Amino acid sequence: MIPSLRWKQILPRGRGDKLSVLVAVTELLVEGFFELLVILPRKYPEATMYYWLSVALGLFLFINTLGNLLMAMSTELSTSSSLLPTVLRPGWDYCYSCQRNTPPRAYHCGHCGICVLKRDHHCLFIGSCVGYANHRYYLVCIMYITLGALYANYLNMEYIVENVSENLKWTTLLASFTPIFGWLFGLTQPVSYFIAFQSGTCALGFLGFVILFGYHVYIALRGQTTHEKRRSRDRSYDLGWRQNMREVLGTRWYLVWIFPLIRSPLPGDGIHFLNRGALGLEDVKDL
């Protein structure tokens, strides 16, 4: 099964989701132009080879982040895209909102208004759920956000150290760690506030997304969704780390990190899943 795109419905339904997506995309664009137009010219005053290598690396991280974000937002997740039986099968549930039978691991999302195949969770920053068809794009997207924040912190470090050493005062430190208060109380100028805000966003974003990415890789390697990890701690779909990664990233899981448009068909159909009990893999470590 190849995930289908729903470009006409790419915008989220709820106002909260629309606002969070707008903030996420805006900050991504602002940060990209900030590094390209402000930081890089200061770090490399002349267009040397290192400048162009830095630009190329930054564009690679930016394109992969934005590309995977858009793919995660635009991929069809609903059970309505699949033919489902009219008779309730063992292990299946009935969704009264959608008035359809739902297969194992599928759950209804009140924000999206649909039942999502292999639902993991609802993500505000993509304005959509993470499920069977777009889990790959979500996981790779947060990986590239983490790498992008790390790279931005590396580029910003010299500029921050330079400014702190020249203006080492308690007001400067306050404005650096709490730029909003620094701006409100007149401790920093609007341009300095903007630079401090962007630098702080990169630092905090890196810490947050390292934790987020580590958590989602951890549960993916265990063959779980966030729902299964939090509520039932169900590991009946754990088929070993290699097969678990194929279930999330597809058969070409080792290539999807390069570019979001690389095809990597997912095993199965999002409705039927192999499990340890059926395969007799109670103590499976790897496949």
Protein backbone atom coordinates (compact mmCIF):
# COMPACT_ATOMS: atom_id res chain seq x y z
CA MET A 1 0.00 0.00 0.00
CA ILE A 2 1.38 3.41 -1.04
CA PRO A 3 0.11 6.35 1.02
CA SER A 4 -2.10 8.65 -1.04
CA LEU A 5 -1.83 12.42 -0.90
CA ARG A 6 -4.77 14.66 -0.05
CA TRP A 7 -3.48 18.07 -1.06
CA LYS A 8 -6.98 19.62 -1.02
CA GLN A 9 -7.25 18.89 2.70
CA ILE A 10 -3.74 19.79 3.73
CA LEU A 11 -4.89 22.57 6.06
CA PRO A 12 -5.98 21.40 9.52
CA ARG A 13 -9.61 21.59 10.57
CA GLY A 14 -9.34 23.20 14.01
CA ARG A 15 -8.25 26.76 14.76
CA GLY A 16 -5.71 25.57 17.32
CA ASP A 17 -4.11 23.24 14.78
CA LYS A 18 -4.06 25.96 12.13
CA LEU A 19 -2.39 28.38 14.53
CA SER A 20 0.24 25.88 15.66
CA VAL A 21 1.05 24.88 12.07
CA LEU A 22 1.33 28.56 11.11
CA VAL A 23 3.72 29.18 14.02
CA ALA A 24 5.81 26.09 13.19
CA VAL A 25 6.14 26.84 9.47
CA THR A 26 6.78 30.55 10.09
CA GLU A 27 9.52 29.85 12.63
CA LEU A 28 11.09 27.31 10.28
CA LEU A 29 11.19 29.86 7.45
CA VAL A 30 12.38 32.72 9.68
CA GLU A 31 15.14 30.59 11.19
CA GLY A 32 16.31 29.47 7.76
CA PHE A 33 16.55 33.04 6.43
CA PHE A 34 18.10 34.22 9.72
CA GLU A 35 20.97 31.76 9.41
CA LEU A 36 21.40 32.42 5.68
CA LEU A 37 21.19 36.21 5.69
CA VAL A 38 22.45 37.19 9.16
CA ILE A 39 24.69 34.53 10.67
CA LEU A 40 26.50 33.07 7.65
CA PRO A 41 27.64 36.46 6.23
CA ARG A 42 29.11 37.31 9.64
CA LYS A 43 30.81 33.94 9.98
CA TYR A 44 32.11 33.95 6.40
CA PRO A 45 32.47 37.57 5.15
CA GLU A 46 33.73 36.25 1.81
CA ALA A 47 32.09 33.60 -0.35
CA THR A 48 34.70 30.94 0.30
CA MET A 49 34.34 27.21 -0.19
CA TYR A 50 33.37 26.84 3.49
CA TYR A 51 30.60 29.39 2.99
CA TRP A 52 29.07 27.46 0.10
CA LEU A 53 29.46 24.16 1.92
CA SER A 54 27.63 25.66 4.89
CA VAL A 55 24.87 26.95 2.60
CA ALA A 56 24.55 23.55 0.91
CA LEU A 57 24.34 21.72 4.26
CA GLY A 58 21.80 24.22 5.58
CA LEU A 59 19.64 23.87 2.46
CA PHE A 60 19.80 20.08 2.67
CA LEU A 61 18.56 20.17 6.29
CA PHE A 62 15.92 22.80 5.50
CA ILE A 63 14.51 21.04 2.41
CA ASN A 64 14.28 17.69 4.19
CA THR A 65 12.62 19.25 7.22
CA LEU A 66 10.03 21.17 5.22
CA GLY A 67 9.51 18.33 2.73
CA ASN A 68 8.83 15.71 5.38
CA LEU A 69 6.60 18.16 7.26
CA LEU A 70 4.45 18.73 4.16
CA MET A 71 4.30 15.01 3.40
CA ALA A 72 3.23 14.26 6.98
CA MET A 73 0.48 16.87 6.70
CA SER A 74 -0.80 15.78 3.29
CA THR A 75 -0.86 11.99 3.56
CA GLU A 76 -4.23 10.25 3.80
CA LEU A 77 -4.71 8.57 7.18
CA SER A 78 -8.40 7.75 7.39
CA THR A 79 -9.86 4.24 7.44
CA SER A 80 -12.27 5.49 4.76
CA SER A 81 -9.49 4.95 2.20
CA SER A 82 -9.68 1.18 2.84
CA LEU A 83 -12.39 -1.39 2.28
CA LEU A 84 -13.57 -2.50 5.71
CA PRO A 85 -15.92 -5.39 6.48
CA THR A 86 -19.49 -4.65 7.50
CA VAL A 87 -19.43 -7.47 10.06
CA LEU A 88 -17.51 -6.75 13.26
CA ARG A 89 -14.54 -9.11 13.44
CA PRO A 90 -12.80 -10.39 16.59
CA GLY A 91 -10.39 -7.76 17.90
CA TRP A 92 -12.08 -4.98 15.94
CA ASP A 93 -14.11 -2.08 17.34
CA TYR A 94 -17.01 -0.01 16.13
CA CYS A 95 -16.65 3.78 15.88
CA TYR A 96 -19.97 5.49 16.57
CA SER A 97 -18.66 8.81 15.26
CA CYS A 98 -17.62 7.42 11.87
CA GLN A 99 -20.22 4.62 11.96
CA ARG A 100 -17.67 2.15 10.68
CA ASN A 101 -15.88 -0.91 11.97
CA THR A 102 -12.29 -0.11 12.88
CA PRO A 103 -9.38 -2.57 12.72
CA PRO A 104 -6.88 -3.18 15.52
CA ARG A 105 -4.56 -0.24 16.30
CA ALA A 106 -6.96 2.24 14.64
CA TYR A 107 -8.54 4.94 16.81
CA HIS A 108 -10.83 7.90 16.30
CA CYS A 109 -9.32 11.38 16.57
CA GLY A 110 -11.63 14.13 17.72
CA HIS A 111 -9.38 16.83 16.24
CA CYS A 112 -9.22 15.27 12.76
CA GLY A 113 -12.77 13.86 12.90
CA ILE A 114 -11.67 10.52 11.43
CA CYS A 115 -10.52 7.07 12.47
CA VAL A 116 -6.78 6.82 11.83
CA LEU A 117 -5.08 3.59 10.81
CA LYS A 118 -2.44 2.57 13.36
CA ARG A 119 -2.90 5.87 15.16
CA ASP A 120 0.13 7.02 17.14
CA HIS A 121 -0.93 10.47 18.37
CA HIS A 122 -2.27 13.83 17.23
CA CYS A 123 0.53 16.30 16.54
CA LEU A 124 -0.28 20.00 16.80
CA PHE A 125 2.70 21.08 14.72
CA ILE A 126 1.55 19.18 11.64
CA GLY A 127 -2.12 19.78 12.44
CA SER A 128 -2.82 16.11 11.90
CA CYS A 129 -2.48 12.68 13.41
CA VAL A 130 0.57 10.49 13.06
CA GLY A 131 -0.47 7.08 11.82
CA TYR A 132 0.30 4.17 9.55
CA ALA A 133 0.78 6.15 6.33
CA ASN A 134 2.72 9.19 7.58
CA HIS A 135 4.71 7.87 10.57
CA ARG A 136 7.79 7.76 8.36
CA TYR A 137 7.55 11.45 7.45
CA TYR A 138 6.92 12.50 11.04
CA LEU A 139 9.87 10.56 12.41
CA VAL A 140 12.28 11.80 9.73
CA CYS A 141 10.96 15.35 10.09
CA ILE A 142 11.71 15.56 13.82
CA MET A 143 15.12 14.02 13.15
CA TYR A 144 15.94 16.81 10.69
CA ILE A 145 14.56 19.47 13.04
CA THR A 146 16.95 18.12 15.69
CA LEU A 147 19.91 18.15 13.29
CA GLY A 148 18.93 21.58 11.97
CA ALA A 149 18.76 23.03 15.49
CA LEU A 150 22.14 21.48 16.29
CA TYR A 151 23.67 22.99 13.17
CA ALA A 152 22.10 26.39 13.87
CA ASN A 153 23.50 26.33 17.41
CA TYR A 154 26.94 25.63 15.96
CA LEU A 155 26.64 28.59 13.59
CA ASN A 156 25.26 30.89 16.30
CA MET A 157 27.83 29.98 18.96
CA GLU A 158 30.60 32.29 17.76
CA TYR A 159 28.22 35.23 17.40
CA ILE A 160 26.71 34.71 20.87
CA VAL A 161 30.11 34.34 22.57
CA GLU A 162 31.34 37.47 20.82
CA ASN A 163 28.39 39.56 21.98
CA VAL A 164 28.42 38.21 25.54
CA SER A 165 32.17 38.86 25.95
CA GLU A 166 31.81 42.44 24.71
CA ASN A 167 28.76 43.26 26.82
CA LEU A 168 29.05 41.02 29.85
CA LYS A 169 26.54 42.60 32.23
CA TRP A 170 23.68 41.20 34.26
CA THR A 171 21.25 42.97 31.91
CA THR A 172 22.86 41.28 28.91
CA LEU A 173 22.59 37.86 30.53
CA LEU A 174 18.96 38.53 31.48
CA ALA A 175 18.16 39.58 27.92
CA SER A 176 19.96 36.53 26.50
CA PHE A 177 18.16 33.95 28.64
CA THR A 178 14.81 35.77 28.78
CA PRO A 179 14.72 37.92 25.63
CA ILE A 180 11.04 38.79 26.01
CA PHE A 181 11.61 40.38 29.43
CA GLY A 182 14.77 42.05 28.15
CA TRP A 183 12.76 43.66 25.36
CA LEU A 184 9.79 44.62 27.54
CA PHE A 185 12.00 46.36 30.12
CA GLY A 186 14.15 48.08 27.52
CA LEU A 187 17.30 46.06 28.26
CA THR A 188 17.82 45.18 24.62
CA GLN A 189 17.02 46.69 21.25
CA PRO A 190 14.49 45.08 18.86
CA VAL A 191 17.25 43.71 16.60
CA SER A 192 19.17 42.30 19.58
CA TYR A 193 15.92 40.88 20.92
CA PHE A 194 15.23 39.15 17.62
CA ILE A 195 18.73 37.65 17.50
CA ALA A 196 18.52 36.52 21.13
CA PHE A 197 15.07 35.05 20.52
CA GLN A 198 16.20 33.06 17.48
CA SER A 199 19.32 31.80 19.26
CA GLY A 200 17.30 30.80 22.32
CA THR A 201 14.71 29.07 20.16
CA CYS A 202 17.43 26.97 18.53
CA ALA A 203 18.94 25.99 21.88
CA LEU A 204 15.62 25.08 23.52
CA GLY A 205 14.35 23.47 20.31
CA PHE A 206 17.38 21.22 20.12
CA LEU A 207 16.92 20.00 23.70
CA GLY A 208 13.21 19.42 23.21
CA PHE A 209 13.48 17.61 19.90
CA VAL A 210 16.38 15.42 21.05
CA ILE A 211 14.06 14.07 23.74
CA LEU A 212 11.10 13.81 21.36
CA PHE A 213 13.08 12.06 18.62
CA GLY A 214 14.71 9.68 21.11
CA TYR A 215 11.33 8.73 22.55
CA HIS A 216 9.73 8.02 19.17
CA VAL A 217 12.72 6.01 17.95
CA TYR A 218 12.60 4.03 21.19
CA ILE A 219 8.94 3.04 20.85
CA ALA A 220 9.30 2.42 17.10
CA LEU A 221 12.14 -0.04 17.76
CA ARG A 222 9.83 -1.80 20.24
CA GLY A 223 7.03 -2.12 17.68
CA GLN A 224 4.72 0.17 19.63
CA THR A 225 2.68 3.28 19.04
CA THR A 226 2.44 6.08 21.58
CA HIS A 227 -1.09 4.96 22.38
CA GLU A 228 0.06 1.40 23.07
CA LYS A 229 3.01 2.58 25.14
CA ARG A 230 0.99 4.91 27.35
CA ARG A 231 -2.21 2.96 27.90
CA SER A 232 -1.70 -0.76 27.62
CA ARG A 233 2.09 -1.17 27.24
CA ASP A 234 1.19 -3.64 24.48
CA ARG A 235 4.24 -5.20 22.80
CA SER A 236 2.45 -7.93 20.90
CA TYR A 237 3.50 -6.32 17.60
CA ASP A 238 7.22 -6.32 18.43
CA LEU A 239 8.87 -8.26 15.59
CA GLY A 240 12.47 -7.31 16.28
CA TRP A 241 14.04 -3.92 15.70
CA ARG A 242 14.80 -4.38 11.99
CA GLN A 243 11.29 -5.49 11.05
CA ASN A 244 9.81 -2.88 13.37
CA MET A 245 11.66 -0.17 11.44
CA ARG A 246 10.32 -1.57 8.17
CA GLU A 247 6.80 -1.34 9.61
CA VAL A 248 7.32 2.39 10.22
CA LEU A 249 9.69 3.48 7.45
CA GLY A 250 8.94 0.95 4.72
CA THR A 251 10.97 -1.68 2.92
CA ARG A 252 13.66 0.86 1.94
CA TRP A 253 13.98 2.18 5.48
CA TYR A 254 17.71 2.76 5.06
CA LEU A 255 17.09 5.32 2.24
CA VAL A 256 14.15 7.38 3.51
CA TRP A 257 16.49 9.59 5.53
CA ILE A 258 17.96 11.04 2.33
CA PHE A 259 14.89 12.67 0.74
CA PRO A 260 11.12 12.63 1.45
CA LEU A 261 10.14 11.65 -2.11
CA ILE A 262 12.12 8.40 -2.09
CA ARG A 263 9.62 5.55 -2.42
CA SER A 264 9.60 3.05 0.41
CA PRO A 265 6.44 0.89 0.33
CA LEU A 266 5.06 -0.01 3.72
CA PRO A 267 4.48 -3.69 4.48
CA GLY A 268 0.87 -4.72 4.89
CA ASP A 269 -2.18 -2.54 4.40
CA GLY A 270 -2.55 -0.70 7.70
CA ILE A 271 -5.35 -3.06 8.73
CA HIS A 272 -3.73 -6.43 9.28
CA PHE A 273 -0.57 -6.69 11.39
CA LEU A 274 1.76 -9.53 12.25
CA ASN A 275 2.17 -10.16 15.96
CA ARG A 276 4.52 -12.12 18.17
CA GLY A 277 1.91 -14.60 19.33
CA ALA A 278 0.84 -15.55 15.80
CA LEU A 279 4.46 -16.06 14.75
CA GLY A 280 5.51 -17.78 17.96
CA LEU A 281 8.04 -15.04 18.72
CA GLU A 282 7.58 -14.59 22.43
CA ASP A 283 11.25 -13.79 23.04
CA VAL A 284 12.12 -12.29 19.67
CA LYS A 285 15.19 -10.07 19.59
CA ASP A 286 15.69 -9.51 15.88
CA LEU A 287 14.46 -10.75 12.52
